[in-house]
Amino acid sequence: MKVDKIFVAGFLAFVAVFGMGAWAGAAAPAEQKTPPSPVKASNPYQGEVVCRLGDTVSPNVNVDGVVWRSLAVQQVGHRKLVSGKAIKTRIEVVLENTRDRRAKADIVLLFEDEQGNPLDRLELNTISVSGGAMRTIRQKVKIQADVLTAMRKIYLFAEITPHSS
């Protein structure tokens, strides 16, 4: 009986010391990372990012009040990348308009190999973003499998213009 009481007392002490610390840590608000402030860039913006098929990259540039938050290049479906075949690909762009009026963005992507040699050029549909809003667009395109397998960088071009009502 005495051994049981000692065991229970020891267990309760263990829970009190370690369990309360874990409980207090869980109750505390999680430390959230603040994303870095966007870098101001000239309009039109031109830059290069390292990117492969399946990646999501964050250009994080502020072009005339419109912040380019992310760019993703993803294969649609699970089709094998066969040389000479066009592959359905989804391009996803997230823009945040910090201005008080609507703006439109014209974006061109130049897919490059490791040495920066051009592989293909893709002009996205014009993106319209309301003032003070964030907008995610997804555009499906067909891109040659050879381009997708060789792609290591994307040269970005974005021009922001005020939206005419």
N, C-alpha and C. Protein backbone atom coordinates (compact mmCIF):
# COMPACT_ATOMS: atom_id res chain seq x y z
N MET A 1 0.82 -1.19 0.00
CA MET A 1 0.00 0.00 0.00
C MET A 1 0.87 1.26 0.00
N LYS A 2 1.95 1.23 0.80
CA LYS A 2 2.84 2.37 0.90
C LYS A 2 3.51 2.64 -0.45
N VAL A 3 3.85 1.59 -1.22
CA VAL A 3 4.48 1.72 -2.53
C VAL A 3 3.52 2.38 -3.51
N ASP A 4 2.23 2.02 -3.44
CA ASP A 4 1.23 2.63 -4.31
C ASP A 4 1.11 4.12 -4.05
N LYS A 5 1.11 4.52 -2.79
CA LYS A 5 0.99 5.94 -2.44
C LYS A 5 2.21 6.72 -2.94
N ILE A 6 3.38 6.10 -2.80
CA ILE A 6 4.60 6.75 -3.27
C ILE A 6 4.56 6.89 -4.79
N PHE A 7 4.12 5.83 -5.46
CA PHE A 7 4.00 5.86 -6.92
C PHE A 7 3.04 6.95 -7.36
N VAL A 8 1.85 7.02 -6.74
CA VAL A 8 0.84 8.01 -7.10
C VAL A 8 1.37 9.41 -6.82
N ALA A 9 2.03 9.60 -5.68
CA ALA A 9 2.58 10.91 -5.34
C ALA A 9 3.65 11.32 -6.36
N GLY A 10 4.50 10.36 -6.72
CA GLY A 10 5.54 10.64 -7.71
C GLY A 10 4.94 10.97 -9.07
N PHE A 11 3.91 10.21 -9.46
CA PHE A 11 3.24 10.46 -10.74
C PHE A 11 2.61 11.85 -10.76
N LEU A 12 1.92 12.22 -9.67
CA LEU A 12 1.28 13.54 -9.59
C LEU A 12 2.34 14.65 -9.62
N ALA A 13 3.47 14.42 -8.98
CA ALA A 13 4.55 15.42 -9.01
C ALA A 13 5.10 15.56 -10.44
N PHE A 14 5.26 14.42 -11.11
CA PHE A 14 5.74 14.43 -12.50
C PHE A 14 4.79 15.22 -13.38
N VAL A 15 3.49 14.94 -13.27
CA VAL A 15 2.49 15.64 -14.07
C VAL A 15 2.49 17.12 -13.72
N ALA A 16 2.61 17.43 -12.44
CA ALA A 16 2.60 18.83 -12.02
C ALA A 16 3.78 19.59 -12.62
N VAL A 17 4.94 18.97 -12.63
CA VAL A 17 6.13 19.66 -13.12
C VAL A 17 6.15 19.71 -14.65
N PHE A 18 6.00 18.57 -15.31
CA PHE A 18 6.13 18.52 -16.76
C PHE A 18 4.81 18.78 -17.48
N GLY A 19 3.75 18.27 -16.96
CA GLY A 19 2.44 18.44 -17.60
C GLY A 19 1.97 19.88 -17.59
N MET A 20 2.17 20.58 -16.49
CA MET A 20 1.74 21.97 -16.41
C MET A 20 2.54 22.84 -17.37
N GLY A 21 3.82 22.55 -17.48
CA GLY A 21 4.65 23.31 -18.43
C GLY A 21 4.18 23.11 -19.86
N ALA A 22 3.85 21.86 -20.20
CA ALA A 22 3.35 21.58 -21.55
C ALA A 22 1.99 22.23 -21.75
N TRP A 23 1.14 22.16 -20.74
CA TRP A 23 -0.18 22.76 -20.84
C TRP A 23 -0.07 24.28 -20.99
N ALA A 24 0.82 24.90 -20.21
CA ALA A 24 1.00 26.35 -20.29
C ALA A 24 1.55 26.74 -21.65
N GLY A 25 2.46 25.93 -22.17
CA GLY A 25 3.02 26.21 -23.49
C GLY A 25 1.97 26.09 -24.58
N ALA A 26 1.08 25.11 -24.43
CA ALA A 26 0.02 24.92 -25.42
C ALA A 26 -0.99 26.05 -25.36
N ALA A 27 -1.22 26.57 -24.16
CA ALA A 27 -2.20 27.63 -24.00
C ALA A 27 -1.68 28.97 -24.50
N ALA A 28 -0.35 29.14 -24.50
CA ALA A 28 0.23 30.40 -24.95
C ALA A 28 0.04 30.52 -26.46
N PRO A 29 -0.21 31.74 -26.93
CA PRO A 29 -0.39 31.90 -28.38
C PRO A 29 0.89 31.52 -29.12
N ALA A 30 0.70 30.83 -30.22
CA ALA A 30 1.84 30.40 -31.02
C ALA A 30 2.54 31.63 -31.58
N GLU A 31 3.86 31.59 -31.58
CA GLU A 31 4.62 32.70 -32.12
C GLU A 31 4.48 32.67 -33.63
N GLN A 32 3.94 33.72 -34.18
CA GLN A 32 3.71 33.77 -35.61
C GLN A 32 4.83 34.56 -36.27
N LYS A 33 5.31 34.01 -37.38
CA LYS A 33 6.34 34.72 -38.14
C LYS A 33 5.66 35.78 -38.98
N THR A 34 6.17 36.96 -38.90
CA THR A 34 5.68 38.04 -39.74
C THR A 34 6.42 37.95 -41.06
N PRO A 35 5.66 37.90 -42.17
CA PRO A 35 6.36 37.84 -43.45
C PRO A 35 7.20 39.09 -43.65
N PRO A 36 8.33 38.95 -44.32
CA PRO A 36 9.17 40.12 -44.55
C PRO A 36 8.42 41.16 -45.38
N SER A 37 8.74 42.41 -45.13
CA SER A 37 8.12 43.49 -45.91
C SER A 37 8.50 43.34 -47.37
N PRO A 38 7.53 43.61 -48.26
CA PRO A 38 7.85 43.49 -49.69
C PRO A 38 8.88 44.54 -50.10
N VAL A 39 9.67 44.18 -51.06
CA VAL A 39 10.69 45.07 -51.61
C VAL A 39 10.03 45.94 -52.67
N LYS A 40 10.25 47.24 -52.60
CA LYS A 40 9.71 48.13 -53.62
C LYS A 40 10.48 47.93 -54.92
N ALA A 41 9.73 47.85 -56.01
CA ALA A 41 10.34 47.62 -57.31
C ALA A 41 9.76 48.61 -58.31
N SER A 42 10.52 48.88 -59.34
CA SER A 42 10.04 49.82 -60.36
C SER A 42 8.96 49.16 -61.21
N ASN A 43 8.18 49.99 -61.86
CA ASN A 43 7.10 49.53 -62.73
C ASN A 43 7.50 49.85 -64.17
N PRO A 44 7.65 48.91 -65.06
CA PRO A 44 7.38 47.49 -64.88
C PRO A 44 8.49 46.80 -64.10
N TYR A 45 8.09 45.72 -63.41
CA TYR A 45 9.03 44.93 -62.61
C TYR A 45 9.64 43.83 -63.48
N GLN A 46 10.93 43.62 -63.29
CA GLN A 46 11.62 42.52 -63.95
C GLN A 46 12.55 41.89 -62.92
N GLY A 47 12.47 40.58 -62.79
CA GLY A 47 13.31 39.87 -61.83
C GLY A 47 13.35 38.40 -62.15
N GLU A 48 14.18 37.68 -61.43
CA GLU A 48 14.35 36.26 -61.68
C GLU A 48 14.22 35.51 -60.36
N VAL A 49 13.55 34.34 -60.39
CA VAL A 49 13.43 33.49 -59.22
C VAL A 49 13.83 32.07 -59.59
N VAL A 50 14.38 31.37 -58.63
CA VAL A 50 14.69 29.95 -58.80
C VAL A 50 13.37 29.21 -58.64
N CYS A 51 13.04 28.35 -59.60
CA CYS A 51 11.75 27.66 -59.55
C CYS A 51 11.81 26.39 -60.40
N ARG A 52 11.22 25.33 -59.86
CA ARG A 52 11.08 24.07 -60.59
C ARG A 52 9.60 23.71 -60.60
N LEU A 53 9.24 22.77 -61.41
CA LEU A 53 7.87 22.29 -61.47
C LEU A 53 7.45 21.81 -60.07
N GLY A 54 6.30 22.30 -59.62
CA GLY A 54 5.79 21.94 -58.29
C GLY A 54 6.13 22.94 -57.21
N ASP A 55 7.02 23.87 -57.49
CA ASP A 55 7.42 24.87 -56.50
C ASP A 55 6.41 26.00 -56.39
N THR A 56 6.38 26.60 -55.20
CA THR A 56 5.70 27.87 -54.98
C THR A 56 6.77 28.83 -54.49
N VAL A 57 6.93 29.94 -55.18
CA VAL A 57 7.95 30.93 -54.82
C VAL A 57 7.27 32.23 -54.42
N SER A 58 7.99 33.04 -53.66
CA SER A 58 7.45 34.32 -53.20
C SER A 58 8.31 35.46 -53.71
N PRO A 59 7.91 36.08 -54.83
CA PRO A 59 8.67 37.23 -55.30
C PRO A 59 8.67 38.36 -54.27
N ASN A 60 7.56 38.56 -53.55
CA ASN A 60 7.43 39.54 -52.48
C ASN A 60 7.94 40.93 -52.89
N VAL A 61 7.44 41.41 -54.04
CA VAL A 61 7.80 42.73 -54.53
C VAL A 61 6.56 43.61 -54.61
N ASN A 62 6.74 44.88 -54.28
CA ASN A 62 5.67 45.87 -54.35
C ASN A 62 5.91 46.72 -55.59
N VAL A 63 5.04 46.51 -56.58
CA VAL A 63 5.15 47.24 -57.83
C VAL A 63 4.00 48.22 -57.90
N ASP A 64 4.29 49.48 -57.64
CA ASP A 64 3.28 50.54 -57.71
C ASP A 64 2.05 50.24 -56.84
N GLY A 65 2.28 49.69 -55.64
CA GLY A 65 1.19 49.43 -54.71
C GLY A 65 0.56 48.05 -54.82
N VAL A 66 0.99 47.26 -55.79
CA VAL A 66 0.48 45.89 -55.92
C VAL A 66 1.63 44.95 -55.55
N VAL A 67 1.38 44.13 -54.52
CA VAL A 67 2.41 43.22 -54.03
C VAL A 67 2.21 41.83 -54.65
N TRP A 68 3.26 41.33 -55.29
CA TRP A 68 3.24 39.99 -55.86
C TRP A 68 3.68 39.05 -54.76
N ARG A 69 2.69 38.35 -54.16
CA ARG A 69 2.94 37.48 -53.00
C ARG A 69 3.52 36.12 -53.39
N SER A 70 2.92 35.46 -54.38
CA SER A 70 3.44 34.14 -54.72
C SER A 70 3.17 33.77 -56.17
N LEU A 71 3.93 32.77 -56.60
CA LEU A 71 3.81 32.20 -57.94
C LEU A 71 4.03 30.70 -57.80
N ALA A 72 3.12 29.90 -58.35
CA ALA A 72 3.26 28.45 -58.31
C ALA A 72 3.13 27.90 -59.72
N VAL A 73 3.95 26.90 -60.02
CA VAL A 73 3.90 26.19 -61.30
C VAL A 73 3.68 24.72 -60.97
N GLN A 74 2.48 24.21 -61.29
CA GLN A 74 2.12 22.85 -60.88
C GLN A 74 1.54 22.06 -62.05
N GLN A 75 1.92 20.81 -62.11
CA GLN A 75 1.37 19.93 -63.13
C GLN A 75 -0.06 19.57 -62.74
N VAL A 76 -0.95 19.54 -63.72
CA VAL A 76 -2.33 19.12 -63.49
C VAL A 76 -2.39 17.62 -63.77
N GLY A 77 -2.82 16.85 -62.80
CA GLY A 77 -2.86 15.40 -62.96
C GLY A 77 -1.51 14.79 -62.70
N HIS A 78 -1.41 13.51 -63.01
CA HIS A 78 -0.17 12.78 -62.71
C HIS A 78 0.42 12.14 -63.96
N ARG A 79 0.25 12.81 -65.06
CA ARG A 79 0.76 12.29 -66.32
C ARG A 79 2.29 12.30 -66.33
N LYS A 80 2.87 11.28 -66.87
CA LYS A 80 4.32 11.20 -66.96
C LYS A 80 4.83 12.27 -67.92
N LEU A 81 5.95 12.90 -67.56
CA LEU A 81 6.55 13.92 -68.41
C LEU A 81 7.32 13.23 -69.53
N VAL A 82 6.71 13.20 -70.70
CA VAL A 82 7.31 12.53 -71.87
C VAL A 82 7.80 13.60 -72.83
N SER A 83 9.05 13.47 -73.24
CA SER A 83 9.65 14.43 -74.16
C SER A 83 8.77 14.62 -75.40
N GLY A 84 8.56 15.88 -75.75
CA GLY A 84 7.77 16.20 -76.94
C GLY A 84 6.27 16.31 -76.69
N LYS A 85 5.83 15.99 -75.49
CA LYS A 85 4.39 16.05 -75.17
C LYS A 85 4.07 17.33 -74.40
N ALA A 86 2.90 17.90 -74.72
CA ALA A 86 2.42 19.07 -73.98
C ALA A 86 1.73 18.58 -72.71
N ILE A 87 2.05 19.22 -71.60
CA ILE A 87 1.53 18.82 -70.29
C ILE A 87 0.62 19.92 -69.74
N LYS A 88 -0.55 19.53 -69.25
CA LYS A 88 -1.43 20.51 -68.61
C LYS A 88 -0.76 21.00 -67.34
N THR A 89 -0.64 22.31 -67.24
CA THR A 89 0.07 22.94 -66.13
C THR A 89 -0.78 24.08 -65.58
N ARG A 90 -0.78 24.21 -64.25
CA ARG A 90 -1.51 25.31 -63.61
C ARG A 90 -0.51 26.33 -63.09
N ILE A 91 -0.74 27.56 -63.48
CA ILE A 91 0.05 28.69 -62.98
C ILE A 91 -0.84 29.42 -61.98
N GLU A 92 -0.35 29.59 -60.76
CA GLU A 92 -1.13 30.29 -59.74
C GLU A 92 -0.36 31.53 -59.29
N VAL A 93 -1.03 32.67 -59.31
CA VAL A 93 -0.44 33.94 -58.92
C VAL A 93 -1.30 34.56 -57.82
N VAL A 94 -0.65 35.05 -56.77
CA VAL A 94 -1.35 35.75 -55.70
C VAL A 94 -0.82 37.18 -55.66
N LEU A 95 -1.76 38.13 -55.83
CA LEU A 95 -1.43 39.56 -55.80
C LEU A 95 -2.25 40.23 -54.71
N GLU A 96 -1.64 41.23 -54.06
CA GLU A 96 -2.34 42.03 -53.06
C GLU A 96 -2.25 43.50 -53.47
N ASN A 97 -3.41 44.11 -53.65
CA ASN A 97 -3.45 45.52 -54.03
C ASN A 97 -3.56 46.36 -52.77
N THR A 98 -2.51 47.10 -52.44
CA THR A 98 -2.51 47.94 -51.25
C THR A 98 -3.01 49.35 -51.57
N ARG A 99 -3.33 49.58 -52.83
CA ARG A 99 -3.85 50.89 -53.24
C ARG A 99 -5.34 50.96 -52.91
N ASP A 100 -5.90 52.16 -52.99
CA ASP A 100 -7.33 52.31 -52.69
C ASP A 100 -8.20 52.17 -53.93
N ARG A 101 -7.60 52.00 -55.09
CA ARG A 101 -8.41 51.82 -56.30
C ARG A 101 -7.93 50.59 -57.07
N ARG A 102 -8.81 50.10 -57.90
CA ARG A 102 -8.54 48.90 -58.70
C ARG A 102 -7.30 49.09 -59.57
N ALA A 103 -6.57 47.99 -59.75
CA ALA A 103 -5.39 48.00 -60.63
C ALA A 103 -5.42 46.72 -61.46
N LYS A 104 -4.71 46.76 -62.55
CA LYS A 104 -4.58 45.53 -63.34
C LYS A 104 -3.11 45.23 -63.54
N ALA A 105 -2.82 43.94 -63.61
CA ALA A 105 -1.44 43.48 -63.76
C ALA A 105 -1.32 42.64 -65.01
N ASP A 106 -0.32 42.96 -65.81
CA ASP A 106 0.02 42.16 -66.97
C ASP A 106 1.32 41.44 -66.62
N ILE A 107 1.27 40.10 -66.66
CA ILE A 107 2.41 39.30 -66.21
C ILE A 107 2.87 38.39 -67.34
N VAL A 108 4.20 38.36 -67.52
CA VAL A 108 4.83 37.48 -68.50
C VAL A 108 5.88 36.66 -67.74
N LEU A 109 5.90 35.35 -68.00
CA LEU A 109 6.87 34.45 -67.39
C LEU A 109 7.78 33.89 -68.49
N LEU A 110 9.07 33.93 -68.25
CA LEU A 110 10.03 33.37 -69.18
C LEU A 110 10.73 32.21 -68.46
N PHE A 111 10.42 31.00 -68.88
CA PHE A 111 11.01 29.81 -68.28
C PHE A 111 12.45 29.67 -68.77
N GLU A 112 13.37 29.40 -67.84
CA GLU A 112 14.79 29.32 -68.16
C GLU A 112 15.40 28.04 -67.62
N ASP A 113 16.50 27.60 -68.26
CA ASP A 113 17.24 26.46 -67.72
C ASP A 113 18.22 26.97 -66.66
N GLU A 114 19.08 26.08 -66.18
CA GLU A 114 20.01 26.42 -65.10
C GLU A 114 20.97 27.56 -65.46
N GLN A 115 21.34 27.66 -66.73
CA GLN A 115 22.27 28.71 -67.16
C GLN A 115 21.54 30.02 -67.51
N GLY A 116 20.23 30.03 -67.41
CA GLY A 116 19.47 31.23 -67.73
C GLY A 116 19.06 31.32 -69.20
N ASN A 117 19.24 30.24 -69.93
CA ASN A 117 18.82 30.22 -71.34
C ASN A 117 17.30 30.09 -71.42
N PRO A 118 16.67 30.88 -72.30
CA PRO A 118 15.21 30.82 -72.39
C PRO A 118 14.72 29.48 -72.95
N LEU A 119 13.64 28.97 -72.33
CA LEU A 119 13.02 27.72 -72.77
C LEU A 119 11.65 27.97 -73.39
N ASP A 120 10.88 28.87 -72.78
CA ASP A 120 9.53 29.16 -73.25
C ASP A 120 9.06 30.47 -72.62
N ARG A 121 8.09 31.09 -73.26
CA ARG A 121 7.53 32.36 -72.79
C ARG A 121 6.03 32.16 -72.62
N LEU A 122 5.50 32.68 -71.51
CA LEU A 122 4.07 32.55 -71.23
C LEU A 122 3.52 33.89 -70.77
N GLU A 123 2.54 34.39 -71.51
CA GLU A 123 1.87 35.64 -71.14
C GLU A 123 0.54 35.27 -70.49
N LEU A 124 0.37 35.65 -69.24
CA LEU A 124 -0.86 35.34 -68.52
C LEU A 124 -1.96 36.32 -68.91
N ASN A 125 -3.21 35.92 -68.69
CA ASN A 125 -4.33 36.84 -68.89
C ASN A 125 -4.18 38.00 -67.91
N THR A 126 -4.62 39.19 -68.31
CA THR A 126 -4.55 40.36 -67.43
C THR A 126 -5.32 40.07 -66.14
N ILE A 127 -4.71 40.44 -65.01
CA ILE A 127 -5.30 40.20 -63.70
C ILE A 127 -5.77 41.53 -63.15
N SER A 128 -7.05 41.61 -62.78
CA SER A 128 -7.61 42.81 -62.19
C SER A 128 -7.79 42.56 -60.69
N VAL A 129 -7.29 43.52 -59.86
CA VAL A 129 -7.36 43.37 -58.41
C VAL A 129 -8.00 44.62 -57.81
N SER A 130 -9.07 44.42 -57.05
CA SER A 130 -9.76 45.54 -56.40
C SER A 130 -8.84 46.22 -55.39
N GLY A 131 -9.09 47.50 -55.15
CA GLY A 131 -8.32 48.25 -54.17
C GLY A 131 -8.46 47.64 -52.79
N GLY A 132 -7.34 47.48 -52.08
CA GLY A 132 -7.35 46.92 -50.74
C GLY A 132 -7.65 45.43 -50.68
N ALA A 133 -7.54 44.72 -51.78
CA ALA A 133 -7.91 43.30 -51.81
C ALA A 133 -6.73 42.42 -52.22
N MET A 134 -6.87 41.13 -51.91
CA MET A 134 -5.91 40.13 -52.36
C MET A 134 -6.63 39.26 -53.40
N ARG A 135 -5.91 38.85 -54.42
CA ARG A 135 -6.53 38.07 -55.49
C ARG A 135 -5.62 36.91 -55.87
N THR A 136 -6.20 35.73 -55.96
CA THR A 136 -5.50 34.54 -56.42
C THR A 136 -6.10 34.14 -57.76
N ILE A 137 -5.26 34.00 -58.76
CA ILE A 137 -5.74 33.52 -60.06
C ILE A 137 -5.02 32.23 -60.39
N ARG A 138 -5.74 31.36 -61.06
CA ARG A 138 -5.17 30.11 -61.53
C ARG A 138 -5.45 30.02 -63.02
N GLN A 139 -4.42 29.84 -63.78
CA GLN A 139 -4.58 29.73 -65.23
C GLN A 139 -3.98 28.41 -65.68
N LYS A 140 -4.76 27.63 -66.41
CA LYS A 140 -4.27 26.35 -66.94
C LYS A 140 -3.75 26.57 -68.35
N VAL A 141 -2.57 26.03 -68.58
CA VAL A 141 -1.92 26.14 -69.88
C VAL A 141 -1.27 24.80 -70.21
N LYS A 142 -0.89 24.63 -71.46
CA LYS A 142 -0.13 23.44 -71.85
C LYS A 142 1.31 23.88 -72.11
N ILE A 143 2.23 23.19 -71.47
CA ILE A 143 3.65 23.49 -71.61
C ILE A 143 4.36 22.18 -71.96
N GLN A 144 5.32 22.26 -72.86
CA GLN A 144 6.07 21.08 -73.27
C GLN A 144 6.78 20.44 -72.07
N ALA A 145 6.74 19.12 -72.00
CA ALA A 145 7.39 18.38 -70.91
C ALA A 145 8.88 18.70 -70.83
N ASP A 146 9.51 18.89 -72.00
CA ASP A 146 10.95 19.22 -72.02
C ASP A 146 11.22 20.53 -71.29
N VAL A 147 10.33 21.49 -71.44
CA VAL A 147 10.48 22.78 -70.76
C VAL A 147 10.34 22.59 -69.26
N LEU A 148 9.31 21.83 -68.85
CA LEU A 148 9.05 21.63 -67.43
C LEU A 148 10.18 20.87 -66.73
N THR A 149 10.78 19.92 -67.41
CA THR A 149 11.88 19.17 -66.78
C THR A 149 13.18 19.97 -66.75
N ALA A 150 13.40 20.83 -67.73
CA ALA A 150 14.64 21.62 -67.78
C ALA A 150 14.55 22.92 -66.98
N MET A 151 13.33 23.36 -66.66
CA MET A 151 13.13 24.65 -65.98
C MET A 151 13.81 24.65 -64.60
N ARG A 152 14.61 25.67 -64.36
CA ARG A 152 15.25 25.87 -63.07
C ARG A 152 15.03 27.29 -62.55
N LYS A 153 14.66 28.20 -63.45
CA LYS A 153 14.44 29.61 -63.10
C LYS A 153 13.26 30.13 -63.91
N ILE A 154 12.67 31.20 -63.39
CA ILE A 154 11.65 31.92 -64.17
C ILE A 154 11.99 33.40 -64.11
N TYR A 155 12.10 34.00 -65.28
CA TYR A 155 12.29 35.44 -65.36
C TYR A 155 10.90 36.05 -65.35
N LEU A 156 10.67 36.96 -64.40
CA LEU A 156 9.35 37.55 -64.18
C LEU A 156 9.27 38.95 -64.78
N PHE A 157 8.13 39.24 -65.35
CA PHE A 157 7.85 40.58 -65.84
C PHE A 157 6.43 40.91 -65.40
N ALA A 158 6.25 42.07 -64.75
CA ALA A 158 4.91 42.49 -64.33
C ALA A 158 4.79 43.99 -64.53
N GLU A 159 3.71 44.38 -65.18
CA GLU A 159 3.41 45.81 -65.36
C GLU A 159 2.06 46.09 -64.73
N ILE A 160 2.02 47.08 -63.86
CA ILE A 160 0.81 47.46 -63.15
C ILE A 160 0.28 48.77 -63.73
N THR A 161 -1.02 48.77 -64.04
CA THR A 161 -1.65 49.99 -64.55
C THR A 161 -2.96 50.22 -63.80
N PRO A 162 -3.34 51.50 -63.64
CA PRO A 162 -4.62 51.79 -63.00
C PRO A 162 -5.73 51.22 -63.88
N HIS A 163 -6.74 50.70 -63.25
CA HIS A 163 -7.87 50.12 -63.98
C HIS A 163 -8.78 51.25 -64.42
N SER A 164 -9.12 51.28 -65.70
CA SER A 164 -10.06 52.28 -66.18
C SER A 164 -11.46 51.72 -66.02
N SER A 165 -12.30 52.45 -65.36
CA SER A 165 -13.66 51.99 -65.05
C SER A 165 -14.32 51.57 -66.29
